[in-house]
Amino acid sequence: MDVNIAAAKAKLNEVGYLDLAVDPTLDLFEAIEQLKREKNAIILAHYYQEPDIQDIADYIGDSLGLAQQAEKTSADMIVFAGVHFMAETAKMLNPGKKVLLPDLKAGCSLSDSCPPPIFKAFKEKHPDHIVISYINCSAGIKALSDIICTSSNARQIVESLPLDQKIIFAPDKNLGAYINKVTGRDMVLWNGACMVHEIFSLEKITKLKERHPEAKFIAHPECEEAVLRLADFIGSTTQLIKYAVEDEANSFIVATEAGILHQMQQKAPLKTFIPAPPDNACACNDCPHMKLNTLEKLYLCLKYEQPEIILDEALRIAARRPIDRMLELSRKFGL
């Protein structure tokens, strides 16, 4: 191995994220495409990634779509432009493939809000309950779960269970409360939340709606209930895009991570999309974890094949079972 490459890999392993210099004259789009061909690699990107990463990705989607793509890919290498739990999920489904994450520090506030040891004790207090966990959780929480769900399929998965089945829903209390409302269930909710979706300002959204009375307000179910009450439509990222493109309205106020607006604008260039304002000084709502990934880090990740997602095999097997159950139910319901 070239000494410089070996040194670079050692540095990536040591620091856990990519901070190596990139030649500013390099055409990153061309270089990444070449590396993908050489390594038989695929890039999976979440809707919340920066526009450049979305534009070069082989597949862009929400958590359900990304898991489905990870399950069926024939690539030898998966570069996951998202956050840590998403790359973990891809590794669970593809133990024989190399799975890379451009920045290992790309975590998730919602996942962090549910530590496995504490959740295990919580679960033990409800021995007659099964656990449905939102995919935005760690491998440790998945291993403690019976079924995984996403915001796209949570309602159908809950409704597939008998009415008298007692359920713990983790880790997102807002999504769980929304599913309780639309299904009439009384699931026990873990007290976790996403920092991005909890920060929307009800007052600012109300004023924005007054300034744009023609705009429809659409929101992700991870938002707080008071925000959801104002919504004309509630759905996952994929469902929000579909609704915005197909609905007859020409302008939309969008309450989810602002990265989604790039896809909306591409698919409906003549429509207007306004990010819902958060309760801070920013103009829009960006996930600081998602935005740790950059095109430069993506290039370095492919070039040096680091940082790599490594999972304990026993944990991987335990965490995969509820994911497989979700994928089976998704196929059954045609999701």
Protein backbone atom coordinates (compact mmCIF):
# COMPACT_ATOMS: atom_id res chain seq x y z
CA MET A 1 0.00 0.00 0.00
CA ASP A 2 1.20 3.51 -0.80
CA VAL A 3 2.66 5.14 2.35
CA ASN A 4 0.56 8.29 1.89
CA ILE A 5 -2.65 6.29 1.54
CA ALA A 6 -1.77 4.18 4.58
CA ALA A 7 -1.09 7.35 6.60
CA ALA A 8 -4.38 8.86 5.46
CA LYS A 9 -6.32 5.74 6.47
CA ALA A 10 -4.60 5.70 9.85
CA LYS A 11 -5.54 9.32 10.39
CA LEU A 12 -9.16 8.65 9.44
CA ASN A 13 -9.32 5.77 11.90
CA GLU A 14 -7.78 7.91 14.62
CA VAL A 15 -9.89 11.05 14.31
CA GLY A 16 -13.13 9.36 13.27
CA TYR A 17 -14.04 11.93 10.64
CA LEU A 18 -12.58 13.29 7.42
CA ASP A 19 -10.57 16.49 7.66
CA LEU A 20 -7.88 15.83 5.05
CA ALA A 21 -7.18 18.52 2.50
CA VAL A 22 -8.75 18.19 -0.95
CA ASP A 23 -7.21 19.77 -4.05
CA PRO A 24 -9.46 22.82 -4.69
CA THR A 25 -9.03 22.39 -8.45
CA LEU A 26 -10.38 18.83 -8.40
CA ASP A 27 -13.73 18.24 -10.10
CA LEU A 28 -15.34 16.39 -7.21
CA PHE A 29 -18.36 15.21 -9.20
CA GLU A 30 -16.15 13.60 -11.86
CA ALA A 31 -13.73 12.19 -9.29
CA ILE A 32 -16.53 10.62 -7.24
CA GLU A 33 -18.13 9.08 -10.33
CA GLN A 34 -14.78 7.56 -11.30
CA LEU A 35 -14.24 6.11 -7.82
CA LYS A 36 -17.76 4.66 -7.84
CA ARG A 37 -17.01 2.83 -11.08
CA GLU A 38 -13.62 1.57 -9.90
CA LYS A 39 -14.95 0.28 -6.58
CA ASN A 40 -18.43 -0.82 -7.65
CA ALA A 41 -19.83 1.56 -5.05
CA ILE A 42 -23.29 3.03 -4.58
CA ILE A 43 -24.16 6.30 -2.85
CA LEU A 44 -27.37 6.36 -0.83
CA ALA A 45 -28.44 9.80 0.39
CA HIS A 46 -31.20 11.07 2.63
CA TYR A 47 -33.41 13.98 1.56
CA TYR A 48 -31.83 16.11 4.30
CA GLN A 49 -28.35 16.06 2.72
CA GLU A 50 -26.87 19.14 1.07
CA PRO A 51 -27.93 19.65 -2.59
CA ASP A 52 -24.56 18.63 -4.08
CA ILE A 53 -24.71 15.25 -2.34
CA GLN A 54 -28.32 14.73 -3.41
CA ASP A 55 -27.35 15.51 -7.00
CA ILE A 56 -24.57 12.91 -7.13
CA ALA A 57 -26.35 10.17 -5.18
CA ASP A 58 -27.52 6.99 -6.90
CA TYR A 59 -30.62 6.95 -4.75
CA ILE A 60 -32.25 9.65 -2.62
CA GLY A 61 -34.97 8.75 -0.18
CA ASP A 62 -36.45 8.59 3.29
CA SER A 63 -35.52 5.99 5.89
CA LEU A 64 -37.82 3.30 4.46
CA GLY A 65 -36.68 3.79 0.87
CA LEU A 66 -33.03 3.84 1.88
CA ALA A 67 -33.38 0.61 3.86
CA GLN A 68 -35.10 -1.02 0.89
CA GLN A 69 -32.33 0.10 -1.47
CA ALA A 70 -29.63 -1.07 0.95
CA GLU A 71 -31.32 -4.48 1.15
CA LYS A 72 -31.32 -5.10 -2.60
CA THR A 73 -28.14 -3.42 -3.85
CA SER A 74 -25.59 -5.51 -5.75
CA ALA A 75 -22.79 -2.99 -5.16
CA ASP A 76 -19.68 -4.10 -3.26
CA MET A 77 -19.50 -0.86 -1.31
CA ILE A 78 -22.23 1.35 0.15
CA VAL A 79 -21.51 4.99 0.95
CA PHE A 80 -24.29 6.25 3.16
CA ALA A 81 -24.75 10.00 3.01
CA GLY A 82 -26.93 10.33 6.07
CA VAL A 83 -26.46 9.79 9.79
CA HIS A 84 -24.93 6.97 11.81
CA PHE A 85 -28.04 4.87 12.48
CA MET A 86 -28.81 4.81 8.73
CA ALA A 87 -25.35 3.47 7.87
CA GLU A 88 -25.70 0.93 10.71
CA THR A 89 -28.97 -0.26 9.17
CA ALA A 90 -27.28 -0.72 5.79
CA LYS A 91 -24.54 -2.79 7.46
CA MET A 92 -27.12 -4.93 9.26
CA LEU A 93 -28.69 -5.76 5.91
CA ASN A 94 -25.35 -6.25 4.11
CA PRO A 95 -22.82 -7.86 6.47
CA GLY A 96 -20.59 -8.87 3.57
CA LYS A 97 -20.35 -5.41 2.05
CA LYS A 98 -18.22 -2.46 3.08
CA VAL A 99 -20.43 0.33 4.41
CA LEU A 100 -18.95 3.82 4.75
CA LEU A 101 -20.19 7.02 6.39
CA PRO A 102 -18.50 10.25 5.28
CA ASP A 103 -18.40 11.63 8.84
CA LEU A 104 -18.70 9.36 11.89
CA LYS A 105 -19.82 12.34 13.94
CA ALA A 106 -23.03 12.51 11.92
CA GLY A 107 -25.23 11.28 14.75
CA CYS A 108 -28.88 11.87 15.61
CA SER A 109 -30.41 13.75 18.54
CA LEU A 110 -33.44 11.45 18.51
CA SER A 111 -31.29 8.31 18.60
CA ASP A 112 -29.18 9.82 21.40
CA SER A 113 -32.33 10.46 23.45
CA CYS A 114 -32.84 6.70 23.94
CA PRO A 115 -29.83 4.99 25.58
CA PRO A 116 -30.16 1.18 25.32
CA PRO A 117 -29.44 0.35 29.01
CA ILE A 118 -32.09 2.79 30.24
CA PHE A 119 -34.58 1.69 27.61
CA LYS A 120 -33.99 -1.97 28.53
CA ALA A 121 -35.01 -1.20 32.13
CA PHE A 122 -38.06 0.71 30.81
CA LYS A 123 -39.04 -2.25 28.64
CA GLU A 124 -38.76 -4.64 31.59
CA LYS A 125 -41.42 -2.64 33.42
CA HIS A 126 -43.88 -3.53 30.61
CA PRO A 127 -43.33 -7.28 30.10
CA ASP A 128 -46.64 -7.79 28.28
CA HIS A 129 -45.86 -5.13 25.64
CA ILE A 130 -44.14 -5.58 22.30
CA VAL A 131 -41.74 -2.88 21.15
CA ILE A 132 -42.15 -0.95 17.90
CA SER A 133 -39.19 1.35 17.38
CA TYR A 134 -38.84 4.13 14.87
CA ILE A 135 -35.87 3.43 12.62
CA ASN A 136 -34.17 6.59 13.92
CA CYS A 137 -32.53 4.68 16.75
CA SER A 138 -29.27 2.91 17.51
CA ALA A 139 -28.45 -0.73 16.82
CA GLY A 140 -28.78 -1.33 20.56
CA ILE A 141 -32.41 -0.13 20.56
CA LYS A 142 -33.20 -2.10 17.41
CA ALA A 143 -31.92 -5.22 19.12
CA LEU A 144 -34.40 -4.60 21.96
CA SER A 145 -37.29 -4.14 19.52
CA ASP A 146 -39.82 -6.49 17.94
CA ILE A 147 -40.60 -4.41 14.85
CA ILE A 148 -38.95 -1.36 13.31
CA CYS A 149 -41.03 1.27 11.52
CA THR A 150 -40.50 4.50 9.62
CA SER A 151 -42.71 7.55 9.39
CA SER A 152 -43.89 6.18 6.02
CA ASN A 153 -45.18 2.88 7.37
CA ALA A 154 -45.69 3.38 11.13
CA ARG A 155 -49.48 3.61 10.89
CA GLN A 156 -49.83 0.47 8.76
CA ILE A 157 -47.49 -1.50 11.01
CA VAL A 158 -49.36 -0.51 14.17
CA GLU A 159 -52.70 -1.25 12.54
CA SER A 160 -51.47 -4.69 11.46
CA LEU A 161 -51.37 -5.76 15.11
CA PRO A 162 -54.44 -6.90 17.11
CA LEU A 163 -56.32 -4.11 18.88
CA ASP A 164 -55.65 -5.65 22.27
CA GLN A 165 -51.89 -5.93 21.67
CA LYS A 166 -50.05 -3.69 24.14
CA ILE A 167 -47.26 -1.68 22.52
CA ILE A 168 -44.26 0.41 23.57
CA PHE A 169 -43.36 2.96 20.91
CA ALA A 170 -39.83 4.37 20.90
CA PRO A 171 -37.97 6.64 20.69
CA ASP A 172 -40.02 9.54 19.21
CA LYS A 173 -42.86 10.69 21.45
CA ASN A 174 -44.26 13.06 18.80
CA LEU A 175 -44.50 10.43 16.08
CA GLY A 176 -45.89 7.98 18.63
CA ALA A 177 -48.53 10.47 19.78
CA TYR A 178 -49.53 11.14 16.17
CA ILE A 179 -49.87 7.40 15.47
CA ASN A 180 -51.92 7.00 18.66
CA LYS A 181 -54.23 9.75 17.43
CA VAL A 182 -54.80 8.41 13.91
CA THR A 183 -55.11 4.76 14.96
CA GLY A 184 -56.98 5.18 18.25
CA ARG A 185 -54.30 3.17 20.07
CA ASP A 186 -52.86 3.88 23.49
CA MET A 187 -49.22 2.96 22.99
CA VAL A 188 -46.76 3.61 25.81
CA LEU A 189 -44.38 6.29 24.52
CA TRP A 190 -40.68 6.70 25.24
CA ASN A 191 -39.91 10.36 25.95
CA GLY A 192 -37.57 11.09 23.04
CA ALA A 193 -37.66 13.71 20.28
CA CYS A 194 -35.79 15.13 17.28
CA MET A 195 -34.18 18.50 17.95
CA VAL A 196 -34.92 19.64 14.39
CA HIS A 197 -38.65 18.95 14.53
CA GLU A 198 -39.13 20.20 18.09
CA ILE A 199 -37.67 23.62 17.42
CA PHE A 200 -40.35 24.94 15.06
CA SER A 201 -41.98 28.10 16.37
CA LEU A 202 -45.77 27.93 16.50
CA GLU A 203 -45.98 31.71 16.73
CA LYS A 204 -43.71 32.28 13.73
CA ILE A 205 -45.52 29.65 11.64
CA THR A 206 -48.86 31.29 12.43
CA LYS A 207 -47.52 34.69 11.33
CA LEU A 208 -46.01 33.12 8.19
CA LYS A 209 -49.38 31.60 7.33
CA GLU A 210 -50.96 35.04 7.71
CA ARG A 211 -48.41 36.51 5.28
CA HIS A 212 -48.96 33.66 2.81
CA PRO A 213 -52.67 32.79 3.07
CA GLU A 214 -52.52 30.96 -0.28
CA ALA A 215 -49.80 28.56 0.94
CA LYS A 216 -50.59 25.13 2.30
CA PHE A 217 -48.79 24.12 5.49
CA ILE A 218 -47.32 20.60 5.40
CA ALA A 219 -45.47 18.92 8.26
CA HIS A 220 -43.56 15.82 9.30
CA PRO A 221 -45.16 13.79 12.12
CA GLU A 222 -42.03 14.22 14.26
CA CYS A 223 -43.25 17.79 14.88
CA GLU A 224 -45.02 18.65 18.12
CA GLU A 225 -48.78 18.17 18.26
CA ALA A 226 -49.50 21.93 18.40
CA VAL A 227 -47.67 22.37 15.08
CA LEU A 228 -49.37 19.36 13.51
CA ARG A 229 -52.80 20.81 14.36
CA LEU A 230 -52.11 23.62 11.88
CA ALA A 231 -51.08 21.30 9.05
CA ASP A 232 -53.04 20.79 5.84
CA PHE A 233 -51.09 17.57 5.32
CA ILE A 234 -48.90 15.40 7.57
CA GLY A 235 -46.51 12.84 6.15
CA SER A 236 -43.02 11.36 5.86
CA THR A 237 -40.41 13.11 3.75
CA THR A 238 -41.35 11.06 0.68
CA GLN A 239 -45.06 11.67 1.31
CA LEU A 240 -44.47 15.42 1.75
CA ILE A 241 -42.63 15.62 -1.59
CA LYS A 242 -45.34 13.64 -3.38
CA TYR A 243 -48.10 15.81 -1.90
CA ALA A 244 -46.32 19.07 -2.74
CA VAL A 245 -45.71 18.00 -6.34
CA GLU A 246 -49.19 16.60 -7.00
CA ASP A 247 -51.40 19.04 -5.06
CA GLU A 248 -52.99 21.89 -6.96
CA ALA A 249 -51.58 24.54 -4.61
CA ASN A 250 -48.66 26.59 -5.90
CA SER A 251 -46.98 27.43 -2.60
CA PHE A 252 -46.20 25.46 0.54
CA ILE A 253 -44.81 26.14 4.00
CA VAL A 254 -42.77 23.06 4.88
CA ALA A 255 -42.14 21.94 8.47
CA THR A 256 -39.27 19.48 8.32
CA GLU A 257 -35.52 19.66 7.71
CA ALA A 258 -34.83 22.24 5.01
CA GLY A 259 -32.81 19.86 2.82
CA ILE A 260 -36.07 18.46 1.48
CA LEU A 261 -36.78 21.72 -0.35
CA HIS A 262 -34.09 20.88 -2.93
CA GLN A 263 -36.03 17.84 -4.15
CA MET A 264 -39.34 19.71 -4.04
CA GLN A 265 -37.94 22.52 -6.15
CA GLN A 266 -36.42 20.11 -8.65
CA LYS A 267 -39.66 18.17 -9.06
CA ALA A 268 -41.92 21.25 -9.11
CA PRO A 269 -39.78 24.19 -10.30
CA LEU A 270 -42.75 26.52 -10.82
CA LYS A 271 -43.96 26.18 -7.23
CA THR A 272 -42.83 28.09 -4.16
CA PHE A 273 -41.53 26.28 -1.07
CA ILE A 274 -41.00 28.15 2.20
CA PRO A 275 -39.13 26.55 5.12
CA ALA A 276 -41.10 26.75 8.36
CA PRO A 277 -39.27 29.03 10.82
CA PRO A 278 -37.68 27.60 13.95
CA ASP A 279 -37.58 29.29 17.34
CA ASN A 280 -34.06 30.62 16.87
CA ALA A 281 -32.20 33.16 14.77
CA CYS A 282 -31.80 30.92 11.72
CA ALA A 283 -33.81 31.43 8.55
CA CYS A 284 -34.47 27.73 8.12
CA ASN A 285 -34.25 24.45 9.96
CA ASP A 286 -31.07 22.47 9.25
CA CYS A 287 -30.03 19.28 11.01
CA PRO A 288 -26.45 19.90 12.21
CA HIS A 289 -25.72 16.17 12.08
CA MET A 290 -26.95 15.64 8.51
CA LYS A 291 -25.01 18.67 7.35
CA LEU A 292 -21.70 17.32 8.69
CA ASN A 293 -21.46 15.31 5.48
CA THR A 294 -20.00 17.31 2.60
CA LEU A 295 -19.02 16.55 -0.99
CA GLU A 296 -15.33 16.73 0.01
CA LYS A 297 -15.84 14.19 2.80
CA LEU A 298 -17.80 11.96 0.45
CA TYR A 299 -14.89 11.99 -2.01
CA LEU A 300 -12.31 11.22 0.69
CA CYS A 301 -14.53 8.53 2.12
CA LEU A 302 -14.65 6.76 -1.25
CA LYS A 303 -10.97 7.28 -1.97
CA TYR A 304 -9.65 5.91 1.32
CA GLU A 305 -12.63 3.63 2.14
CA GLN A 306 -12.90 5.13 5.62
CA PRO A 307 -14.64 5.66 8.03
CA GLU A 308 -16.16 2.17 7.89
CA ILE A 309 -19.16 0.97 9.87
CA ILE A 310 -18.25 -2.10 11.92
CA LEU A 311 -20.86 -3.96 14.00
CA ASP A 312 -20.54 -6.75 16.53
CA GLU A 313 -22.02 -9.79 14.80
CA ALA A 314 -24.32 -10.80 17.66
CA LEU A 315 -25.67 -7.25 17.86
CA ARG A 316 -26.07 -7.10 14.08
CA ILE A 317 -28.13 -10.30 14.01
CA ALA A 318 -30.34 -9.19 16.91
CA ALA A 319 -30.88 -5.73 15.42
CA ARG A 320 -31.64 -7.07 11.96
CA ARG A 321 -34.61 -9.20 13.02
CA PRO A 322 -37.04 -6.30 13.62
CA ILE A 323 -35.82 -4.60 10.43
CA ASP A 324 -36.60 -7.74 8.43
CA ARG A 325 -40.05 -7.78 10.02
CA MET A 326 -40.58 -4.19 8.89
CA LEU A 327 -39.47 -4.95 5.35
CA GLU A 328 -41.78 -7.99 5.23
CA LEU A 329 -44.75 -5.91 6.37
CA SER A 330 -43.82 -3.12 3.93
CA ARG A 331 -43.87 -5.59 1.05
CA LYS A 332 -47.19 -6.96 2.28
CA PHE A 333 -48.75 -3.49 2.31
CA GLY A 334 -47.05 -2.42 -0.93
CA LEU A 335 -45.11 0.40 0.75
